[in-house]
Amino acid sequence: MLYEPVKDRLIGLAKRSQHLRRVYYVMLNVVFLRSWYVRRTIRRLLTSKGGDAVAVLDAGTGLGQFACYTASRFPAARVHAVDLN
């Protein structure tokens, strides 16, 4: 299966509304087990900073789900997300 065309189509749908984007991110978290480990690591790293304002760079953000998670879970963090696509 070609991943990029499917991803591009789903991203196009998710960009239409914030509600669809949230549903899309929930689906990604269900499908990809690694997202649990990534979110756990983000929580551990940023919680260890004690609520201080930190800068986070999500280089190669892909679909942006971890940047969105970080920004929503840690509002004091300055989150920057970049991707080549």
C-alpha atoms as a PDB file:
ATOM      1  CA  MET A   1       0.000   0.000   0.000  1.00  0.00           C
ATOM      2  CA  LEU A   2       1.269   3.458  -0.868  1.00  0.00           C
ATOM      3  CA  TYR A   3       1.287   5.460   2.336  1.00  0.00           C
ATOM      4  CA  GLU A   4       1.827   9.016   1.020  1.00  0.00           C
ATOM      5  CA  PRO A   5      -1.306   9.283  -1.186  1.00  0.00           C
ATOM      6  CA  VAL A   6      -3.488   7.964   1.639  1.00  0.00           C
ATOM      7  CA  LYS A   7      -1.864  10.326   4.134  1.00  0.00           C
ATOM      8  CA  ASP A   8      -2.289  13.296   1.773  1.00  0.00           C
ATOM      9  CA  ARG A   9      -5.974  12.515   1.275  1.00  0.00           C
ATOM     10  CA  LEU A  10      -6.610  12.177   5.011  1.00  0.00           C
ATOM     11  CA  ILE A  11      -4.707  15.367   5.785  1.00  0.00           C
ATOM     12  CA  GLY A  12      -6.846  17.170   3.215  1.00  0.00           C
ATOM     13  CA  LEU A  13      -9.965  16.037   5.060  1.00  0.00           C
ATOM     14  CA  ALA A  14      -8.499  16.882   8.470  1.00  0.00           C
ATOM     15  CA  LYS A  15      -7.629  20.425   7.386  1.00  0.00           C
ATOM     16  CA  ARG A  16     -11.282  21.218   6.749  1.00  0.00           C
ATOM     17  CA  SER A  17     -12.243  21.526  10.390  1.00  0.00           C
ATOM     18  CA  GLN A  18     -10.765  21.360  13.851  1.00  0.00           C
ATOM     19  CA  HIS A  19     -13.238  18.615  14.786  1.00  0.00           C
ATOM     20  CA  LEU A  20     -12.108  16.384  11.907  1.00  0.00           C
ATOM     21  CA  ARG A  21      -8.481  17.056  12.855  1.00  0.00           C
ATOM     22  CA  ARG A  22      -9.097  15.893  16.425  1.00  0.00           C
ATOM     23  CA  VAL A  23     -10.836  12.744  15.203  1.00  0.00           C
ATOM     24  CA  TYR A  24      -7.928  12.141  12.842  1.00  0.00           C
ATOM     25  CA  TYR A  25      -5.362  12.436  15.650  1.00  0.00           C
ATOM     26  CA  VAL A  26      -7.359  10.052  17.849  1.00  0.00           C
ATOM     27  CA  MET A  27      -7.394   7.533  14.997  1.00  0.00           C
ATOM     28  CA  LEU A  28      -3.620   7.885  14.587  1.00  0.00           C
ATOM     29  CA  ASN A  29      -3.101   7.231  18.292  1.00  0.00           C
ATOM     30  CA  VAL A  30      -5.190   4.066  18.074  1.00  0.00           C
ATOM     31  CA  VAL A  31      -3.426   2.770  14.974  1.00  0.00           C
ATOM     32  CA  PHE A  32       0.170   3.541  15.967  1.00  0.00           C
ATOM     33  CA  LEU A  33       1.283   2.058  19.289  1.00  0.00           C
ATOM     34  CA  ARG A  34       4.497   4.077  19.190  1.00  0.00           C
ATOM     35  CA  SER A  35       2.474   7.246  19.806  1.00  0.00           C
ATOM     36  CA  TRP A  36       1.865   6.073  23.376  1.00  0.00           C
ATOM     37  CA  TYR A  37       5.620   5.872  23.955  1.00  0.00           C
ATOM     38  CA  VAL A  38       6.268   9.249  22.332  1.00  0.00           C
ATOM     39  CA  ARG A  39       3.567  10.965  24.434  1.00  0.00           C
ATOM     40  CA  ARG A  40       4.932   9.315  27.586  1.00  0.00           C
ATOM     41  CA  THR A  41       8.437  10.600  26.810  1.00  0.00           C
ATOM     42  CA  ILE A  42       7.131  14.104  26.109  1.00  0.00           C
ATOM     43  CA  ARG A  43       5.251  14.075  29.433  1.00  0.00           C
ATOM     44  CA  ARG A  44       8.329  12.899  31.329  1.00  0.00           C
ATOM     45  CA  LEU A  45      10.667  15.426  29.741  1.00  0.00           C
ATOM     46  CA  LEU A  46       8.424  18.446  30.107  1.00  0.00           C
ATOM     47  CA  THR A  47       7.106  17.512  33.548  1.00  0.00           C
ATOM     48  CA  SER A  48      10.714  17.292  34.765  1.00  0.00           C
ATOM     49  CA  LYS A  49      11.093  20.979  33.853  1.00  0.00           C
ATOM     50  CA  GLY A  50       8.602  21.826  36.611  1.00  0.00           C
ATOM     51  CA  GLY A  51       6.250  23.909  34.502  1.00  0.00           C
ATOM     52  CA  ASP A  52       8.977  26.245  33.244  1.00  0.00           C
ATOM     53  CA  ALA A  53       8.463  27.764  29.820  1.00  0.00           C
ATOM     54  CA  VAL A  54      10.492  25.634  27.425  1.00  0.00           C
ATOM     55  CA  ALA A  55      11.015  25.697  23.678  1.00  0.00           C
ATOM     56  CA  VAL A  56      10.193  22.488  21.829  1.00  0.00           C
ATOM     57  CA  LEU A  57      11.192  21.783  18.232  1.00  0.00           C
ATOM     58  CA  ASP A  58       9.374  18.952  16.487  1.00  0.00           C
ATOM     59  CA  ALA A  59      11.650  18.522  13.473  1.00  0.00           C
ATOM     60  CA  GLY A  60      10.111  16.208  10.910  1.00  0.00           C
ATOM     61  CA  THR A  61       6.706  16.686  12.497  1.00  0.00           C
ATOM     62  CA  GLY A  62       4.932  14.654   9.838  1.00  0.00           C
ATOM     63  CA  LEU A  63       1.248  14.973  10.617  1.00  0.00           C
ATOM     64  CA  GLY A  64       1.828  17.247  13.605  1.00  0.00           C
ATOM     65  CA  GLN A  65       0.022  15.151  16.187  1.00  0.00           C
ATOM     66  CA  PHE A  66       2.845  15.321  18.732  1.00  0.00           C
ATOM     67  CA  ALA A  67       3.296  19.071  18.333  1.00  0.00           C
ATOM     68  CA  CYS A  68      -0.455  19.514  18.910  1.00  0.00           C
ATOM     69  CA  TYR A  69      -0.335  17.168  21.893  1.00  0.00           C
ATOM     70  CA  THR A  70       2.602  19.057  23.408  1.00  0.00           C
ATOM     71  CA  ALA A  71       1.009  22.469  22.893  1.00  0.00           C
ATOM     72  CA  SER A  72      -2.299  21.380  24.417  1.00  0.00           C
ATOM     73  CA  ARG A  73      -0.791  19.477  27.351  1.00  0.00           C
ATOM     74  CA  PHE A  74       1.901  22.072  28.170  1.00  0.00           C
ATOM     75  CA  PRO A  75       0.500  25.549  27.397  1.00  0.00           C
ATOM     76  CA  ALA A  76       3.645  27.314  28.701  1.00  0.00           C
ATOM     77  CA  ALA A  77       5.802  25.532  26.106  1.00  0.00           C
ATOM     78  CA  ARG A  78       6.697  27.294  22.870  1.00  0.00           C
ATOM     79  CA  VAL A  79       6.200  24.572  20.274  1.00  0.00           C
ATOM     80  CA  HIS A  80       7.682  24.846  16.786  1.00  0.00           C
ATOM     81  CA  ALA A  81       6.924  22.141  14.226  1.00  0.00           C
ATOM     82  CA  VAL A  82       8.540  21.813  10.803  1.00  0.00           C
ATOM     83  CA  ASP A  83       8.430  19.247   8.034  1.00  0.00           C
ATOM     84  CA  LEU A  84       9.721  19.145   4.481  1.00  0.00           C
ATOM     85  CA  ASN A  85       6.370  18.056   3.094  1.00  0.00           C
END
